[in-house]
Protein backbone atom coordinates (compact mmCIF):
# COMPACT_ATOMS: atom_id res chain seq x y z
CA MET A 1 143.09 121.90 103.63
CA THR A 2 141.43 125.19 105.88
CA HIS A 3 144.56 127.53 107.04
CA PHE A 4 143.64 129.44 110.45
CA ARG A 5 145.53 131.73 111.15
CA PRO A 6 147.43 131.65 115.04
CA GLY A 7 145.09 131.92 117.64
CA GLY A 8 142.11 129.63 116.44
CA PHE A 9 138.98 129.55 115.41
CA GLN A 10 137.59 133.19 116.32
CA ALA A 11 133.35 132.77 116.11
CA PHE A 12 133.21 136.83 115.90
CA PRO A 13 137.21 138.20 114.76
CA ASN A 14 137.70 141.60 115.43
CA ILE A 15 136.92 143.18 111.77
CA VAL A 16 133.37 141.40 111.23
CA LYS A 17 132.80 142.20 114.55
CA ASN A 18 133.66 145.89 113.95
CA LEU A 19 131.91 145.84 110.82
CA ILE A 20 128.76 144.88 112.12
CA ILE A 21 128.77 147.34 115.18
CA ILE A 22 129.50 150.71 112.97
CA ASN A 23 126.17 149.50 110.35
CA VAL A 24 123.71 149.41 113.30
CA LEU A 25 125.62 152.14 114.72
CA MET A 26 124.78 154.67 111.34
CA VAL A 27 120.95 152.69 111.21
CA LEU A 28 120.33 153.75 114.88
CA LEU A 29 121.91 157.58 113.38
CA GLN A 30 119.71 157.72 110.05
CA PHE A 31 116.35 156.58 112.64
CA ALA A 32 117.89 159.74 115.23
CA PHE A 33 118.78 162.10 112.10
CA ILE A 34 115.15 161.40 110.71
CA ARG A 35 113.90 162.75 113.80
CA LEU A 36 115.24 165.89 113.55
CA GLY A 37 114.35 166.65 110.21
CA ILE A 38 117.42 165.82 108.69
CA ASN A 39 118.00 162.35 105.92
CA LEU A 40 121.49 160.67 106.17
CA ASP A 41 121.08 159.03 102.79
CA THR A 42 120.63 162.57 101.55
CA TYR A 43 124.52 162.79 102.15
CA LEU A 44 125.82 159.58 102.88
CA ALA A 45 123.90 157.02 100.31
CA LEU A 46 125.44 156.44 96.23
CA HIS A 47 123.63 158.37 94.00
CA TYR A 48 124.40 158.64 90.29
CA TRP A 49 127.53 160.41 89.10
CA THR A 50 124.83 163.63 87.56
CA SER A 51 122.50 164.24 90.43
CA PRO A 52 124.14 166.87 92.68
CA GLN A 53 123.77 165.01 95.72
CA PHE A 54 126.22 162.82 94.41
CA ARG A 55 129.43 163.09 96.30
CA TRP A 56 132.89 161.07 95.66
CA TRP A 57 132.36 159.26 99.04
CA GLN A 58 129.69 157.59 98.83
CA LEU A 59 131.45 155.14 96.12
CA PHE A 60 132.02 153.71 100.00
CA THR A 61 129.94 154.95 102.28
CA HIS A 62 126.58 153.83 101.07
CA MET A 63 127.60 150.92 102.22
CA PHE A 64 127.07 150.85 105.76
CA MET A 65 123.94 152.00 105.71
CA HIS A 66 120.68 150.02 104.36
CA GLY A 67 117.19 150.40 104.11
CA ASP A 68 114.33 154.10 104.37
CA PRO A 69 114.89 156.14 107.94
CA MET A 70 110.95 156.23 107.26
CA ASP A 71 110.53 152.65 107.06
CA VAL A 72 111.31 151.50 110.60
CA GLN A 73 110.54 147.57 109.06
CA ALA A 74 112.55 147.44 105.96
CA THR A 75 115.43 148.56 107.16
CA ILE A 76 115.79 145.75 110.17
CA MET A 77 114.61 143.46 107.45
CA HIS A 78 117.85 144.87 105.04
CA ILE A 79 120.39 145.27 107.60
CA PHE A 80 119.70 141.53 110.08
CA PHE A 81 119.89 139.71 106.27
CA ASN A 82 122.90 141.25 105.65
CA MET A 83 124.84 141.43 108.95
CA TYR A 84 123.55 137.48 108.87
CA ALA A 85 125.89 136.56 105.94
CA LEU A 86 129.00 138.99 106.64
CA TRP A 87 129.15 137.25 109.82
CA MET A 88 128.33 134.16 108.62
CA PHE A 89 130.80 134.05 105.69
CA GLY A 90 132.61 137.18 106.14
CA ARG A 91 133.90 135.14 110.31
CA ILE A 92 135.53 131.51 108.27
CA LEU A 93 137.31 134.06 105.48
CA GLU A 94 138.47 136.68 107.95
CA ASN A 95 140.15 133.52 110.64
CA VAL A 96 141.47 132.55 107.41
CA TRP A 97 142.81 135.36 105.77
CA GLY A 98 143.29 138.03 108.65
CA PRO A 99 141.60 140.70 109.65
CA GLN A 100 144.24 143.20 106.99
CA ARG A 101 143.49 140.98 103.62
CA PHE A 102 139.61 140.30 104.59
CA LEU A 103 139.07 144.90 105.18
CA ILE A 104 140.88 144.64 101.77
CA PHE A 105 138.83 142.59 100.38
CA TYR A 106 135.00 143.76 101.70
CA LEU A 107 136.34 147.15 101.19
CA VAL A 108 137.01 145.75 97.47
CA CYS A 109 134.06 144.01 96.77
CA GLY A 110 131.27 146.75 98.28
CA LEU A 111 133.34 148.84 96.14
CA GLY A 112 133.45 146.90 92.62
CA ALA A 113 129.39 146.71 93.38
CA ALA A 114 128.74 149.87 93.23
CA LEU A 115 131.48 150.67 90.07
CA CYS A 116 128.92 147.92 88.51
CA HIS A 117 125.89 149.57 89.55
CA MET A 118 126.68 152.70 88.07
CA SER A 119 128.01 152.01 84.29
CA VAL A 120 124.71 149.64 84.40
CA LEU A 121 122.81 152.74 85.38
CA SER A 122 124.66 154.96 82.83
CA ILE A 123 123.80 152.18 80.60
CA GLU A 124 120.14 152.97 81.07
CA TYR A 125 119.62 156.46 82.01
CA THR A 126 121.87 157.48 79.12
CA SER A 127 118.71 155.23 77.08
CA PHE A 128 115.84 156.60 78.59
CA HIS A 129 117.36 160.52 77.77
CA ASN A 130 117.89 159.59 73.99
CA ALA A 131 114.19 158.69 74.05
CA PHE A 132 113.06 161.08 76.18
CA MET A 133 114.33 163.62 74.05
CA HIS A 134 113.76 161.54 71.06
CA TYR A 135 109.67 162.17 72.59
CA GLN A 136 109.71 165.69 73.10
CA GLU A 137 110.90 166.27 69.62
CA ASN A 138 107.80 164.55 67.81
CA PRO A 139 105.20 163.77 71.19
CA ASN A 140 101.40 161.53 69.85
CA PHE A 141 100.07 158.77 71.51
CA VAL A 142 101.84 156.20 69.16
CA ASN A 143 105.16 157.74 70.77
CA TYR A 144 104.32 158.01 73.84
CA ALA A 145 102.35 154.20 73.98
CA GLN A 146 105.69 153.29 72.89
CA PHE A 147 108.00 154.62 75.36
CA ILE A 148 106.52 153.65 78.34
CA ARG A 149 106.52 149.94 77.40
CA HIS A 150 110.48 149.91 76.66
CA HIS A 151 111.37 152.02 79.18
CA ASN A 152 111.50 150.56 83.24
CA ASN A 153 107.79 148.85 81.96
CA LEU A 154 105.90 152.11 83.23
CA ASP A 155 103.60 150.68 81.65
CA LYS A 156 102.67 149.38 84.40
CA VAL A 157 103.21 152.51 86.46
CA GLU A 158 99.56 153.27 87.20
CA PRO A 159 99.85 157.80 86.56
CA PHE A 160 101.60 156.65 83.65
CA ASN A 161 99.66 153.72 82.48
CA ASN A 162 96.45 156.47 82.94
CA ILE A 163 97.31 158.83 80.70
CA MET A 164 97.85 156.36 77.64
CA ASN A 165 94.45 154.59 78.33
CA PHE A 166 92.40 158.24 78.69
CA TRP A 167 95.27 159.17 75.53
CA SER A 168 94.21 156.26 73.19
CA SER A 169 90.19 156.81 73.33
CA ASN A 170 90.75 160.46 73.57
CA LYS A 171 92.65 161.17 70.39
CA GLU A 172 92.72 165.05 70.41
CA CYS A 173 92.98 164.95 73.88
CA GLY A 174 94.58 168.50 74.43
CA ASN A 175 96.50 168.36 77.29
CA CYS A 176 98.37 164.51 77.54
CA VAL A 177 101.05 165.99 75.68
CA THR A 178 102.62 168.70 78.83
CA GLU A 179 101.18 165.47 80.89
CA SER A 180 103.09 163.43 79.70
CA ILE A 181 106.06 164.95 79.14
CA ARG A 182 106.06 166.03 82.74
CA LEU A 183 106.21 162.88 84.34
CA LEU A 184 108.82 161.85 82.36
CA ASN A 185 110.36 164.47 83.02
CA GLU A 186 109.79 163.86 86.91
CA GLN A 187 110.68 160.48 86.54
CA TYR A 188 113.55 160.56 85.30
CA SER A 189 114.75 163.26 87.44
CA MET A 190 114.02 160.56 90.51
CA MET A 191 115.89 158.10 89.47
CA ILE A 192 118.74 160.20 89.06
CA ASN A 193 118.24 161.16 92.32
CA GLU A 194 117.57 157.33 93.77
CA PRO A 195 119.79 157.06 96.60
CA THR A 196 122.07 153.45 96.40
CA VAL A 197 122.26 152.10 99.47
CA GLY A 198 123.31 148.40 101.64
CA ALA A 199 126.14 145.71 101.92
CA SER A 200 124.53 143.58 99.63
CA GLY A 201 127.38 144.15 96.28
CA ALA A 202 129.99 142.82 99.18
CA VAL A 203 128.53 140.80 101.58
CA PHE A 204 128.02 138.81 97.92
CA GLY A 205 131.77 139.51 97.72
CA LEU A 206 132.15 137.99 100.61
CA LEU A 207 129.28 134.87 100.00
CA PHE A 208 131.38 133.90 96.71
CA ALA A 209 134.49 133.93 98.09
CA PHE A 210 133.55 131.17 100.13
CA GLY A 211 132.09 129.14 97.19
CA TYR A 212 134.98 129.39 95.94
CA LEU A 213 137.36 128.28 99.05
CA PHE A 214 134.78 126.03 100.39
CA PRO A 215 132.88 124.33 97.22
CA ASN A 216 132.01 121.29 99.11
CA THR A 217 130.91 122.20 101.41
CA GLU A 218 127.64 121.88 102.11
CA LEU A 219 124.82 124.15 104.01
CA TYR A 220 120.97 124.45 104.58
CA ILE A 221 119.40 127.44 103.11
CA ILE A 222 115.79 128.53 105.21
CA PHE A 223 112.72 126.77 104.43
CA ILE A 224 114.83 123.88 102.44
CA PRO A 225 115.27 120.55 104.16
CA ILE A 226 118.57 119.43 102.44
CA PRO A 227 121.93 120.79 102.99
CA ILE A 228 123.43 122.78 99.34
CA LYS A 229 127.17 122.85 97.91
CA ALA A 230 128.70 126.30 98.05
CA LYS A 231 128.69 126.34 94.25
CA TRP A 232 125.97 125.05 93.86
CA ILE A 233 124.45 128.18 96.14
CA VAL A 234 127.00 130.34 94.81
CA THR A 235 125.62 129.64 90.41
CA ALA A 236 121.82 129.71 91.90
CA TYR A 237 122.49 133.36 93.21
CA GLY A 238 124.09 134.66 90.62
CA LEU A 239 121.70 133.38 87.78
CA ILE A 240 118.96 134.83 90.06
CA GLU A 241 120.63 138.60 90.91
CA LEU A 242 120.84 138.05 86.62
CA THR A 243 117.35 137.17 86.20
CA GLN A 244 115.67 139.23 88.00
CA GLY A 245 118.29 142.54 87.06
CA LEU A 246 117.47 141.87 83.47
CA ASN A 247 114.00 141.20 83.86
CA ASN A 248 114.08 144.70 85.06
CA SER A 249 111.09 144.47 86.33
CA ALA A 250 108.22 147.64 87.46
CA GLY A 251 108.59 148.18 91.28
CA ASP A 252 111.77 146.39 91.85
CA ASN A 253 114.20 148.65 94.27
CA ILE A 254 117.19 145.79 94.13
CA ALA A 255 120.47 146.77 93.21
CA HIS A 256 121.14 143.33 91.72
CA PHE A 257 123.99 143.73 89.25
CA ALA A 258 125.72 145.64 92.02
CA HIS A 259 125.79 142.27 93.57
CA LEU A 260 127.15 140.84 90.70
CA GLY A 261 129.48 143.48 90.73
CA GLY A 262 130.74 142.35 94.47
CA MET A 263 131.10 138.69 92.86
CA LEU A 264 132.44 140.17 90.19
CA PHE A 265 135.09 141.92 91.54
CA ALA A 266 135.50 139.02 94.34
CA PHE A 267 136.63 137.04 91.75
CA ILE A 268 139.26 139.55 90.19
CA LEU A 269 140.63 139.81 93.26
CA LEU A 270 140.87 135.62 94.14
CA ARG A 271 142.53 134.95 90.74
CA ILE A 272 145.05 137.52 90.88
CA TRP A 273 146.02 136.29 95.06
CA LYS A 274 146.49 133.09 93.84
CA LYS A 275 148.13 134.31 90.90
CA ASN A 276 151.14 135.81 93.36
CA ASN A 277 150.27 133.38 96.74
CA ARG A 278 149.69 130.28 96.02
CA ASN A 279 149.80 129.86 99.56
CA ASP A 280 147.04 130.29 100.35
CA PHE A 281 144.99 128.85 98.10
CA TYR A 282 144.49 125.53 96.87
């Protein structure tokens, strides 16, 4: 049995409505400020904690930022799908839980997504940094080729691959060491200063909660003509995100472990609530 709050089911409950409005306004501000030469990502997007651009409030503000103000089409697609999912699943959950509990859940999932993303980056960046330091102690073709093949699939990135190919044919290349260290240093700097934006972590938390509370509800997915139960959709999304996160393909700019983090914190919070108040769960 589903328990809805007094007042009946609202198609556009207040918190969901206001979250969508805030996210859309932030995108408009991103476009407006970039015309003035100000990139709001510098201040509000999530940066790695060793980056000089990191600020503590970015753990929250990043979930209200979307896309890239220099790429209108990508930004519109990013916010559209996130806001559609927020409306689709969030309105059900807010009607069941009420505005206060729903907002807490949303923010906790977004914060949890950020923390998981940063933790995974910490492992990745520490490994890269240590390997880079080791390479600088003994820079040669064999070590360079091994480095770029085992870190971020850099051997598939043109500038790194070009050096490897040239160095392979010119073993006495005197400039290859200097150029390779320069490129790797730029790569590391780019990694720690790369901003992360989007409500996807919080939205994946909502998706998990919907599948957890309404596992047998049938949903339709784009391009799939048959209904699928929510529990299988949640499972499929989780496995896809885990697979793609572990694959770590070159050019993949999606924070897969942030999505998984949103789902993980959703599960933790739901279990805590279920233990403390069984009336809202079944």
